[in-house]
């Protein structure tokens, strides 16, 4: 899910760091993972991490609807590559982070 407006034309593929790819994993993304991605998306586009009392219903409804449609999309997507292993991908991400931030 792309959620961040690119700051520069060259940065078209920018994504929020909190939203992770959920497609083509074994096992498939859980409802909690889909909900978390929807919540991060709604937080980003609304500009708030916690809505006011007046906007709570709208905020919660948006999260539920986005999670629902995201789950349908993930179910309908076709993958030609074999499913990715969550542990392997997590290890790769940890290694990239260590290199990026020079953590030993």
PDB file of N, CA and C in Angstrom:
ATOM      1  N   UNK A   1       0.839  -1.172   0.000  1.00  0.00           N
ATOM      2  CA  UNK A   1       0.000   0.000   0.000  1.00  0.00           C
ATOM      3  C   UNK A   1       0.884   1.235   0.000  1.00  0.00           C
ATOM      4  N   UNK A   2       0.747   2.035  -0.994  1.00  0.00           N
ATOM      5  CA  UNK A   2       1.493   3.280  -1.023  1.00  0.00           C
ATOM      6  C   UNK A   2       0.718   4.304  -0.216  1.00  0.00           C
ATOM      7  N   UNK A   3       1.399   4.934   0.737  1.00  0.00           N
ATOM      8  CA  UNK A   3       0.667   5.856   1.601  1.00  0.00           C
ATOM      9  C   UNK A   3       1.332   7.214   1.731  1.00  0.00           C
ATOM     10  N   UNK A   4       2.517   7.343   1.257  1.00  0.00           N
ATOM     11  CA  UNK A   4       3.220   8.608   1.429  1.00  0.00           C
ATOM     12  C   UNK A   4       3.289   9.348   0.110  1.00  0.00           C
ATOM     13  N   UNK A   5       3.018  10.624   0.129  1.00  0.00           N
ATOM     14  CA  UNK A   5       3.145  11.443  -1.071  1.00  0.00           C
ATOM     15  C   UNK A   5       4.626  11.629  -1.329  1.00  0.00           C
ATOM     16  N   UNK A   6       5.104  11.296  -2.526  1.00  0.00           N
ATOM     17  CA  UNK A   6       6.529  11.458  -2.805  1.00  0.00           C
ATOM     18  C   UNK A   6       6.965  12.907  -2.653  1.00  0.00           C
ATOM     19  N   UNK A   7       8.114  13.117  -2.031  1.00  0.00           N
ATOM     20  CA  UNK A   7       8.636  14.469  -1.850  1.00  0.00           C
ATOM     21  C   UNK A   7       9.333  14.949  -3.102  1.00  0.00           C
ATOM     22  N   UNK A   8       9.919  14.016  -3.829  1.00  0.00           N
ATOM     23  CA  UNK A   8      10.632  14.338  -5.054  1.00  0.00           C
ATOM     24  C   UNK A   8      10.116  13.423  -6.160  1.00  0.00           C
ATOM     25  N   UNK A   9      10.165  13.906  -7.377  1.00  0.00           N
ATOM     26  CA  UNK A   9       9.710  13.096  -8.509  1.00  0.00           C
ATOM     27  C   UNK A   9      10.480  11.791  -8.594  1.00  0.00           C
ATOM     28  N   UNK A  10      11.745  11.778  -8.221  1.00  0.00           N
ATOM     29  CA  UNK A  10      12.563  10.571  -8.292  1.00  0.00           C
ATOM     30  C   UNK A  10      12.186   9.561  -7.211  1.00  0.00           C
ATOM     31  N   UNK A  11      11.396   9.966  -6.242  1.00  0.00           N
ATOM     32  CA  UNK A  11      11.039   9.106  -5.122  1.00  0.00           C
ATOM     33  C   UNK A  11       9.612   8.584  -5.261  1.00  0.00           C
ATOM     34  N   UNK A  12       9.252   8.133  -6.438  1.00  0.00           N
ATOM     35  CA  UNK A  12       7.879   7.720  -6.716  1.00  0.00           C
ATOM     36  C   UNK A  12       7.473   6.496  -5.925  1.00  0.00           C
ATOM     37  N   UNK A  13       8.422   5.622  -5.597  1.00  0.00           N
ATOM     38  CA  UNK A  13       8.097   4.382  -4.911  1.00  0.00           C
ATOM     39  C   UNK A  13       8.126   4.495  -3.396  1.00  0.00           C
ATOM     40  N   UNK A  14       8.097   5.710  -2.856  1.00  0.00           N
ATOM     41  CA  UNK A  14       8.163   5.888  -1.409  1.00  0.00           C
ATOM     42  C   UNK A  14       6.965   5.246  -0.737  1.00  0.00           C
ATOM     43  N   UNK A  15       7.219   4.591   0.382  1.00  0.00           N
ATOM     44  CA  UNK A  15       6.158   3.974   1.157  1.00  0.00           C
ATOM     45  C   UNK A  15       6.368   4.305   2.625  1.00  0.00           C
ATOM     46  N   UNK A  16       5.305   4.272   3.387  1.00  0.00           N
ATOM     47  CA  UNK A  16       5.435   4.460   4.820  1.00  0.00           C
ATOM     48  C   UNK A  16       6.216   3.278   5.387  1.00  0.00           C
ATOM     49  N   UNK A  17       7.116   3.540   6.275  1.00  0.00           N
ATOM     50  CA  UNK A  17       7.919   2.464   6.851  1.00  0.00           C
ATOM     51  C   UNK A  17       7.093   1.545   7.726  1.00  0.00           C
ATOM     52  N   UNK A  18       5.983   2.030   8.256  1.00  0.00           N
ATOM     53  CA  UNK A  18       5.166   1.216   9.155  1.00  0.00           C
ATOM     54  C   UNK A  18       4.290   0.215   8.414  1.00  0.00           C
ATOM     55  N   UNK A  19       4.077   0.422   7.141  1.00  0.00           N
ATOM     56  CA  UNK A  19       3.238  -0.483   6.362  1.00  0.00           C
ATOM     57  C   UNK A  19       4.154  -1.418   5.586  1.00  0.00           C
ATOM     58  N   UNK A  20       3.985  -2.694   5.809  1.00  0.00           N
ATOM     59  CA  UNK A  20       4.831  -3.698   5.186  1.00  0.00           C
ATOM     60  C   UNK A  20       4.065  -4.444   4.099  1.00  0.00           C
ATOM     61  N   UNK A  21       4.805  -4.994   3.161  1.00  0.00           N
ATOM     62  CA  UNK A  21       4.193  -5.809   2.115  1.00  0.00           C
ATOM     63  C   UNK A  21       3.520  -7.009   2.770  1.00  0.00           C
ATOM     64  N   UNK A  22       2.297  -7.274   2.373  1.00  0.00           N
ATOM     65  CA  UNK A  22       1.541  -8.388   2.944  1.00  0.00           C
ATOM     66  C   UNK A  22       1.259  -9.483   1.917  1.00  0.00           C
ATOM     67  N   UNK A  23       1.551  -9.209   0.673  1.00  0.00           N
ATOM     68  CA  UNK A  23       1.240 -10.149  -0.407  1.00  0.00           C
ATOM     69  C   UNK A  23       2.326 -11.207  -0.577  1.00  0.00           C
ATOM     70  N   UNK A  24       1.891 -12.417  -0.877  1.00  0.00           N
ATOM     71  CA  UNK A  24       2.747 -13.544  -1.247  1.00  0.00           C
ATOM     72  C   UNK A  24       3.657 -14.000  -0.115  1.00  0.00           C
ATOM     73  N   UNK A  25       3.074 -14.167   1.063  1.00  0.00           N
ATOM     74  CA  UNK A  25       3.791 -14.745   2.191  1.00  0.00           C
ATOM     75  C   UNK A  25       3.120 -16.042   2.586  1.00  0.00           C
ATOM     76  N   UNK A  26       3.891 -16.933   3.137  1.00  0.00           N
ATOM     77  CA  UNK A  26       3.348 -18.174   3.665  1.00  0.00           C
ATOM     78  C   UNK A  26       3.714 -18.235   5.132  1.00  0.00           C
ATOM     79  N   UNK A  27       2.777 -18.274   6.061  1.00  0.00           N
ATOM     80  CA  UNK A  27       1.338 -18.225   5.831  1.00  0.00           C
ATOM     81  C   UNK A  27       0.881 -16.829   5.403  1.00  0.00           C
ATOM     82  N   UNK A  28      -0.315 -16.777   4.877  1.00  0.00           N
ATOM     83  CA  UNK A  28      -0.885 -15.517   4.394  1.00  0.00           C
ATOM     84  C   UNK A  28      -1.001 -14.510   5.538  1.00  0.00           C
ATOM     85  N   UNK A  29      -1.110 -13.247   5.166  1.00  0.00           N
ATOM     86  CA  UNK A  29      -1.236 -12.175   6.161  1.00  0.00           C
ATOM     87  C   UNK A  29      -2.446 -12.426   7.058  1.00  0.00           C
ATOM     88  N   UNK A  30      -2.243 -12.200   8.340  1.00  0.00           N
ATOM     89  CA  UNK A  30      -3.322 -12.384   9.305  1.00  0.00           C
ATOM     90  C   UNK A  30      -4.254 -11.169   9.285  1.00  0.00           C
ATOM     91  N   UNK A  31      -5.412 -11.339   9.883  1.00  0.00           N
ATOM     92  CA  UNK A  31      -6.356 -10.227  10.000  1.00  0.00           C
ATOM     93  C   UNK A  31      -5.724  -9.073  10.788  1.00  0.00           C
ATOM     94  N   UNK A  32      -4.925  -9.411  11.806  1.00  0.00           N
ATOM     95  CA  UNK A  32      -4.265  -8.378  12.605  1.00  0.00           C
ATOM     96  C   UNK A  32      -3.267  -7.577  11.768  1.00  0.00           C
ATOM     97  N   UNK A  33      -2.524  -8.250  10.893  1.00  0.00           N
ATOM     98  CA  UNK A  33      -1.567  -7.553  10.032  1.00  0.00           C
ATOM     99  C   UNK A  33      -2.284  -6.628   9.053  1.00  0.00           C
ATOM    100  N   UNK A  34      -3.377  -7.108   8.487  1.00  0.00           N
ATOM    101  CA  UNK A  34      -4.150  -6.300   7.551  1.00  0.00           C
ATOM    102  C   UNK A  34      -4.743  -5.098   8.276  1.00  0.00           C
ATOM    103  N   UNK A  35      -5.271  -5.316   9.468  1.00  0.00           N
ATOM    104  CA  UNK A  35      -5.848  -4.219  10.253  1.00  0.00           C
ATOM    105  C   UNK A  35      -4.776  -3.187  10.604  1.00  0.00           C
ATOM    106  N   UNK A  36      -3.590  -3.657  11.001  1.00  0.00           N
ATOM    107  CA  UNK A  36      -2.504  -2.739  11.354  1.00  0.00           C
ATOM    108  C   UNK A  36      -2.101  -1.879  10.154  1.00  0.00           C
ATOM    109  N   UNK A  37      -2.046  -2.473   8.967  1.00  0.00           N
ATOM    110  CA  UNK A  37      -1.706  -1.711   7.766  1.00  0.00           C
ATOM    111  C   UNK A  37      -2.790  -0.679   7.464  1.00  0.00           C
ATOM    112  N   UNK A  38      -4.053  -1.076   7.604  1.00  0.00           N
ATOM    113  CA  UNK A  38      -5.163  -0.153   7.362  1.00  0.00           C
ATOM    114  C   UNK A  38      -5.130   0.997   8.365  1.00  0.00           C
ATOM    115  N   UNK A  39      -4.842   0.682   9.616  1.00  0.00           N
ATOM    116  CA  UNK A  39      -4.760   1.709  10.654  1.00  0.00           C
ATOM    117  C   UNK A  39      -3.642   2.706  10.342  1.00  0.00           C
ATOM    118  N   UNK A  40      -2.479   2.214   9.943  1.00  0.00           N
ATOM    119  CA  UNK A  40      -1.372   3.106   9.602  1.00  0.00           C
ATOM    120  C   UNK A  40      -1.728   3.989   8.412  1.00  0.00           C
ATOM    121  N   UNK A  41      -2.401   3.412   7.430  1.00  0.00           N
ATOM    122  CA  UNK A  41      -2.819   4.183   6.253  1.00  0.00           C
ATOM    123  C   UNK A  41      -3.771   5.313   6.656  1.00  0.00           C
ATOM    124  N   UNK A  42      -4.781   4.979   7.440  1.00  0.00           N
ATOM    125  CA  UNK A  42      -5.762   5.993   7.860  1.00  0.00           C
ATOM    126  C   UNK A  42      -5.097   7.054   8.738  1.00  0.00           C
ATOM    127  N   UNK A  43      -4.205   6.637   9.613  1.00  0.00           N
ATOM    128  CA  UNK A  43      -3.472   7.616  10.428  1.00  0.00           C
ATOM    129  C   UNK A  43      -2.688   8.577   9.551  1.00  0.00           C
ATOM    130  N   UNK A  44      -2.036   8.033   8.525  1.00  0.00           N
ATOM    131  CA  UNK A  44      -1.214   8.866   7.655  1.00  0.00           C
ATOM    132  C   UNK A  44      -2.061   9.872   6.886  1.00  0.00           C
ATOM    133  N   UNK A  45      -3.132   9.398   6.259  1.00  0.00           N
ATOM    134  CA  UNK A  45      -3.907  10.316   5.428  1.00  0.00           C
ATOM    135  C   UNK A  45      -4.761  11.278   6.246  1.00  0.00           C
ATOM    136  N   UNK A  46      -5.123  10.881   7.482  1.00  0.00           N
ATOM    137  CA  UNK A  46      -5.919  11.788   8.316  1.00  0.00           C
ATOM    138  C   UNK A  46      -5.034  12.777   9.059  1.00  0.00           C
ATOM    139  N   UNK A  47      -3.762  12.435   9.209  1.00  0.00           N
ATOM    140  CA  UNK A  47      -2.849  13.328   9.909  1.00  0.00           C
ATOM    141  C   UNK A  47      -2.923  13.230  11.416  1.00  0.00           C
ATOM    142  N   UNK A  48      -3.570  12.182  11.926  1.00  0.00           N
ATOM    143  CA  UNK A  48      -3.623  12.034  13.377  1.00  0.00           C
ATOM    144  C   UNK A  48      -3.516  10.563  13.764  1.00  0.00           C
ATOM    145  N   UNK A  49      -2.883  10.322  14.909  1.00  0.00           N
ATOM    146  CA  UNK A  49      -2.767   8.952  15.389  1.00  0.00           C
ATOM    147  C   UNK A  49      -3.972   8.546  16.221  1.00  0.00           C
ATOM    148  N   UNK A  50      -4.637   9.552  16.769  1.00  0.00           N
ATOM    149  CA  UNK A  50      -5.851   9.288  17.542  1.00  0.00           C
ATOM    150  C   UNK A  50      -6.858  10.376  17.195  1.00  0.00           C
ATOM    151  N   UNK A  51      -7.987   9.968  16.632  1.00  0.00           N
ATOM    152  CA  UNK A  51      -8.968  10.981  16.230  1.00  0.00           C
ATOM    153  C   UNK A  51      -9.678  11.593  17.438  1.00  0.00           C
ATOM    154  N   UNK A  52     -10.244  12.756  17.208  1.00  0.00           N
ATOM    155  CA  UNK A  52     -11.052  13.391  18.248  1.00  0.00           C
ATOM    156  C   UNK A  52     -12.322  12.566  18.443  1.00  0.00           C
ATOM    157  N   UNK A  53     -13.023  12.822  19.520  1.00  0.00           N
ATOM    158  CA  UNK A  53     -14.281  12.102  19.768  1.00  0.00           C
ATOM    159  C   UNK A  53     -15.262  12.292  18.624  1.00  0.00           C
ATOM    160  N   UNK A  54     -15.265  13.473  18.042  1.00  0.00           N
ATOM    161  CA  UNK A  54     -16.179  13.775  16.938  1.00  0.00           C
ATOM    162  C   UNK A  54     -15.848  12.953  15.690  1.00  0.00           C
ATOM    163  N   UNK A  55     -14.577  12.547  15.543  1.00  0.00           N
ATOM    164  CA  UNK A  55     -14.166  11.828  14.338  1.00  0.00           C
ATOM    165  C   UNK A  55     -13.883  10.347  14.554  1.00  0.00           C
ATOM    166  N   UNK A  56     -14.047   9.852  15.762  1.00  0.00           N
ATOM    167  CA  UNK A  56     -13.723   8.455  16.063  1.00  0.00           C
ATOM    168  C   UNK A  56     -14.516   7.483  15.204  1.00  0.00           C
ATOM    169  N   UNK A  57     -15.807   7.706  15.055  1.00  0.00           N
ATOM    170  CA  UNK A  57     -16.642   6.789  14.272  1.00  0.00           C
ATOM    171  C   UNK A  57     -16.190   6.747  12.811  1.00  0.00           C
ATOM    172  N   UNK A  58     -15.941   7.898  12.233  1.00  0.00           N
ATOM    173  CA  UNK A  58     -15.497   7.973  10.837  1.00  0.00           C
ATOM    174  C   UNK A  58     -14.134   7.303  10.682  1.00  0.00           C
ATOM    175  N   UNK A  59     -13.230   7.570  11.606  1.00  0.00           N
ATOM    176  CA  UNK A  59     -11.888   7.001  11.599  1.00  0.00           C
ATOM    177  C   UNK A  59     -11.957   5.478  11.678  1.00  0.00           C
ATOM    178  N   UNK A  60     -12.709   4.960  12.649  1.00  0.00           N
ATOM    179  CA  UNK A  60     -12.831   3.507  12.832  1.00  0.00           C
ATOM    180  C   UNK A  60     -13.496   2.842  11.637  1.00  0.00           C
ATOM    181  N   UNK A  61     -14.488   3.492  11.064  1.00  0.00           N
ATOM    182  CA  UNK A  61     -15.159   2.944   9.887  1.00  0.00           C
ATOM    183  C   UNK A  61     -14.195   2.881   8.702  1.00  0.00           C
ATOM    184  N   UNK A  62     -13.394   3.912   8.537  1.00  0.00           N
ATOM    185  CA  UNK A  62     -12.415   3.926   7.448  1.00  0.00           C
ATOM    186  C   UNK A  62     -11.410   2.789   7.619  1.00  0.00           C
ATOM    187  N   UNK A  63     -10.925   2.588   8.835  1.00  0.00           N
ATOM    188  CA  UNK A  63      -9.978   1.497   9.087  1.00  0.00           C
ATOM    189  C   UNK A  63     -10.622   0.154   8.749  1.00  0.00           C
ATOM    190  N   UNK A  64     -11.844  -0.060   9.192  1.00  0.00           N
ATOM    191  CA  UNK A  64     -12.532  -1.334   8.932  1.00  0.00           C
ATOM    192  C   UNK A  64     -12.756  -1.554   7.439  1.00  0.00           C
ATOM    193  N   UNK A  65     -13.182  -0.516   6.737  1.00  0.00           N
ATOM    194  CA  UNK A  65     -13.439  -0.661   5.301  1.00  0.00           C
ATOM    195  C   UNK A  65     -12.155  -0.898   4.519  1.00  0.00           C
ATOM    196  N   UNK A  66     -11.098  -0.195   4.871  1.00  0.00           N
ATOM    197  CA  UNK A  66      -9.825  -0.379   4.177  1.00  0.00           C
ATOM    198  C   UNK A  66      -9.258  -1.770   4.477  1.00  0.00           C
ATOM    199  N   UNK A  67      -9.363  -2.215   5.708  1.00  0.00           N
ATOM    200  CA  UNK A  67      -8.899  -3.564   6.048  1.00  0.00           C
ATOM    201  C   UNK A  67      -9.692  -4.603   5.268  1.00  0.00           C
ATOM    202  N   UNK A  68     -11.000  -4.407   5.162  1.00  0.00           N
ATOM    203  CA  UNK A  68     -11.865  -5.348   4.444  1.00  0.00           C
ATOM    204  C   UNK A  68     -11.471  -5.447   2.969  1.00  0.00           C
ATOM    205  N   UNK A  69     -11.346  -4.326   2.306  1.00  0.00           N
ATOM    206  CA  UNK A  69     -11.013  -4.338   0.882  1.00  0.00           C
ATOM    207  C   UNK A  69      -9.577  -4.815   0.663  1.00  0.00           C
ATOM    208  N   UNK A  70      -8.691  -4.508   1.596  1.00  0.00           N
ATOM    209  CA  UNK A  70      -7.311  -4.990   1.493  1.00  0.00           C
ATOM    210  C   UNK A  70      -7.275  -6.503   1.567  1.00  0.00           C
ATOM    211  N   UNK A  71      -8.043  -7.074   2.473  1.00  0.00           N
ATOM    212  CA  UNK A  71      -8.092  -8.540   2.590  1.00  0.00           C
ATOM    213  C   UNK A  71      -8.589  -9.160   1.292  1.00  0.00           C
ATOM    214  N   UNK A  72      -9.622  -8.572   0.691  1.00  0.00           N
ATOM    215  CA  UNK A  72     -10.124  -9.075  -0.598  1.00  0.00           C
ATOM    216  C   UNK A  72      -9.055  -8.958  -1.679  1.00  0.00           C
ATOM    217  N   UNK A  73      -8.357  -7.840  -1.708  1.00  0.00           N
ATOM    218  CA  UNK A  73      -7.317  -7.655  -2.708  1.00  0.00           C
ATOM    219  C   UNK A  73      -6.224  -8.706  -2.545  1.00  0.00           C
ATOM    220  N   UNK A  74      -5.777  -8.937  -1.314  1.00  0.00           N
ATOM    221  CA  UNK A  74      -4.731  -9.919  -1.073  1.00  0.00           C
ATOM    222  C   UNK A  74      -5.173 -11.320  -1.493  1.00  0.00           C
ATOM    223  N   UNK A  75      -6.435 -11.638  -1.267  1.00  0.00           N
ATOM    224  CA  UNK A  75      -6.969 -12.948  -1.666  1.00  0.00           C
ATOM    225  C   UNK A  75      -7.014 -13.092  -3.177  1.00  0.00           C
ATOM    226  N   UNK A  76      -7.252 -11.990  -3.891  1.00  0.00           N
ATOM    227  CA  UNK A  76      -7.420 -12.032  -5.346  1.00  0.00           C
ATOM    228  C   UNK A  76      -6.135 -11.858  -6.140  1.00  0.00           C
ATOM    229  N   UNK A  77      -5.088 -11.324  -5.510  1.00  0.00           N
ATOM    230  CA  UNK A  77      -3.833 -11.130  -6.232  1.00  0.00           C
ATOM    231  C   UNK A  77      -3.238 -12.467  -6.650  1.00  0.00           C
ATOM    232  N   UNK A  78      -2.638 -12.488  -7.827  1.00  0.00           N
ATOM    233  CA  UNK A  78      -1.998 -13.693  -8.342  1.00  0.00           C
ATOM    234  C   UNK A  78      -0.493 -13.487  -8.273  1.00  0.00           C
ATOM    235  N   UNK A  79       0.199 -14.468  -7.730  1.00  0.00           N
ATOM    236  CA  UNK A  79       1.657 -14.387  -7.625  1.00  0.00           C
ATOM    237  C   UNK A  79       2.287 -15.435  -8.533  1.00  0.00           C
ATOM    238  N   UNK A  80       3.336 -15.030  -9.238  1.00  0.00           N
ATOM    239  CA  UNK A  80       4.063 -15.987 -10.074  1.00  0.00           C
ATOM    240  C   UNK A  80       5.299 -16.505  -9.347  1.00  0.00           C
ATOM    241  N   UNK A  81       5.763 -15.767  -8.355  1.00  0.00           N
ATOM    242  CA  UNK A  81       6.919 -16.187  -7.560  1.00  0.00           C
ATOM    243  C   UNK A  81       6.449 -17.071  -6.408  1.00  0.00           C
ATOM    244  N   UNK A  82       7.324 -17.930  -5.924  1.00  0.00           N
ATOM    245  CA  UNK A  82       6.946 -18.741  -4.761  1.00  0.00           C
ATOM    246  C   UNK A  82       6.739 -17.849  -3.540  1.00  0.00           C
ATOM    247  N   UNK A  83       5.895 -18.270  -2.598  1.00  0.00           N
ATOM    248  CA  UNK A  83       5.656 -17.459  -1.393  1.00  0.00           C
ATOM    249  C   UNK A  83       6.947 -17.216  -0.628  1.00  0.00           C
ATOM    250  N   UNK A  84       7.036 -16.029  -0.006  1.00  0.00           N
ATOM    251  CA  UNK A  84       8.204 -15.663   0.781  1.00  0.00           C
ATOM    252  C   UNK A  84       8.058 -16.201   2.204  1.00  0.00           C
ATOM    253  N   UNK A  85       9.176 -16.472   2.801  1.00  0.00           N
ATOM    254  CA  UNK A  85       9.223 -16.947   4.180  1.00  0.00           C
ATOM    255  C   UNK A  85       9.370 -15.737   5.098  1.00  0.00           C
ATOM    256  N   UNK A  86       8.492 -15.600   6.066  1.00  0.00           N
ATOM    257  CA  UNK A  86       8.498 -14.441   6.963  1.00  0.00           C
ATOM    258  C   UNK A  86       9.809 -14.310   7.740  1.00  0.00           C
ATOM    259  N   UNK A  87      10.329 -15.417   8.224  1.00  0.00           N
ATOM    260  CA  UNK A  87      11.565 -15.365   9.011  1.00  0.00           C
ATOM    261  C   UNK A  87      12.750 -14.931   8.154  1.00  0.00           C
ATOM    262  N   UNK A  88      12.825 -15.435   6.936  1.00  0.00           N
ATOM    263  CA  UNK A  88      13.908 -15.049   6.023  1.00  0.00           C
ATOM    264  C   UNK A  88      13.811 -13.567   5.696  1.00  0.00           C
ATOM    265  N   UNK A  89      12.607 -13.087   5.387  1.00  0.00           N
ATOM    266  CA  UNK A  89      12.415 -11.667   5.063  1.00  0.00           C
ATOM    267  C   UNK A  89      12.718 -10.779   6.263  1.00  0.00           C
ATOM    268  N   UNK A  90      12.356 -11.233   7.476  1.00  0.00           N
ATOM    269  CA  UNK A  90      12.653 -10.456   8.688  1.00  0.00           C
ATOM    270  C   UNK A  90      14.161 -10.368   8.906  1.00  0.00           C
ATOM    271  N   UNK A  91      14.868 -11.455   8.647  1.00  0.00           N
ATOM    272  CA  UNK A  91      16.325 -11.454   8.790  1.00  0.00           C
ATOM    273  C   UNK A  91      16.965 -10.498   7.782  1.00  0.00           C
ATOM    274  N   UNK A  92      16.447 -10.498   6.550  1.00  0.00           N
ATOM    275  CA  UNK A  92      16.963  -9.570   5.528  1.00  0.00           C
ATOM    276  C   UNK A  92      16.725  -8.123   5.956  1.00  0.00           C
ATOM    277  N   UNK A  93      15.549  -7.844   6.485  1.00  0.00           N
ATOM    278  CA  UNK A  93      15.220  -6.485   6.921  1.00  0.00           C
ATOM    279  C   UNK A  93      16.123  -6.055   8.074  1.00  0.00           C
ATOM    280  N   UNK A  94      16.387  -6.975   8.980  1.00  0.00           N
ATOM    281  CA  UNK A  94      17.260  -6.674  10.110  1.00  0.00           C
ATOM    282  C   UNK A  94      18.683  -6.378   9.621  1.00  0.00           C
ATOM    283  N   UNK A  95      19.133  -7.140   8.656  1.00  0.00           N
ATOM    284  CA  UNK A  95      20.466  -6.921   8.086  1.00  0.00           C
ATOM    285  C   UNK A  95      20.550  -5.561   7.376  1.00  0.00           C
ATOM    286  N   UNK A  96      19.508  -5.221   6.605  1.00  0.00           N
ATOM    287  CA  UNK A  96      19.480  -3.908   5.932  1.00  0.00           C
ATOM    288  C   UNK A  96      19.500  -2.781   6.952  1.00  0.00           C
ATOM    289  N   UNK A  97      18.749  -2.951   8.020  1.00  0.00           N
ATOM    290  CA  UNK A  97      18.689  -1.934   9.064  1.00  0.00           C
ATOM    291  C   UNK A  97      20.048  -1.772   9.738  1.00  0.00           C
ATOM    292  N   UNK A  98      20.689  -2.876  10.001  1.00  0.00           N
ATOM    293  CA  UNK A  98      22.009  -2.822  10.648  1.00  0.00           C
ATOM    294  C   UNK A  98      23.007  -2.083   9.756  1.00  0.00           C
ATOM    295  N   UNK A  99      22.963  -2.371   8.452  1.00  0.00           N
ATOM    296  CA  UNK A  99      23.865  -1.670   7.531  1.00  0.00           C
ATOM    297  C   UNK A  99      23.506  -0.198   7.452  1.00  0.00           C
ATOM    298  N   UNK A 100      22.219   0.087   7.400  1.00  0.00           N
ATOM    299  CA  UNK A 100      21.773   1.472   7.256  1.00  0.00           C
ATOM    300  C   UNK A 100      22.168   2.327   8.443  1.00  0.00           C
ATOM    301  N   UNK A 101      22.003   1.781   9.632  1.00  0.00           N
ATOM    302  CA  UNK A 101      22.262   2.547  10.836  1.00  0.00           C
ATOM    303  C   UNK A 101      23.589   2.175  11.498  1.00  0.00           C
ATOM    304  N   UNK A 102      24.406   1.391  10.811  1.00  0.00           N
ATOM    305  CA  UNK A 102      25.735   0.979  11.285  1.00  0.00           C
ATOM    306  C   UNK A 102      25.686   0.385  12.670  1.00  0.00           C
ATOM    307  N   UNK A 103      24.712  -0.499  12.866  1.00  0.00           N
ATOM    308  CA  UNK A 103      24.572  -1.196  14.154  1.00  0.00           C
ATOM    309  C   UNK A 103      25.410  -2.460  14.080  1.00  0.00           C
ATOM    310  N   UNK A 104      26.210  -2.695  15.059  1.00  0.00           N
ATOM    311  CA  UNK A 104      27.077  -3.891  15.057  1.00  0.00           C
ATOM    312  C   UNK A 104      26.405  -5.047  15.733  1.00  0.00           C
TER     313      UNK A 104
END
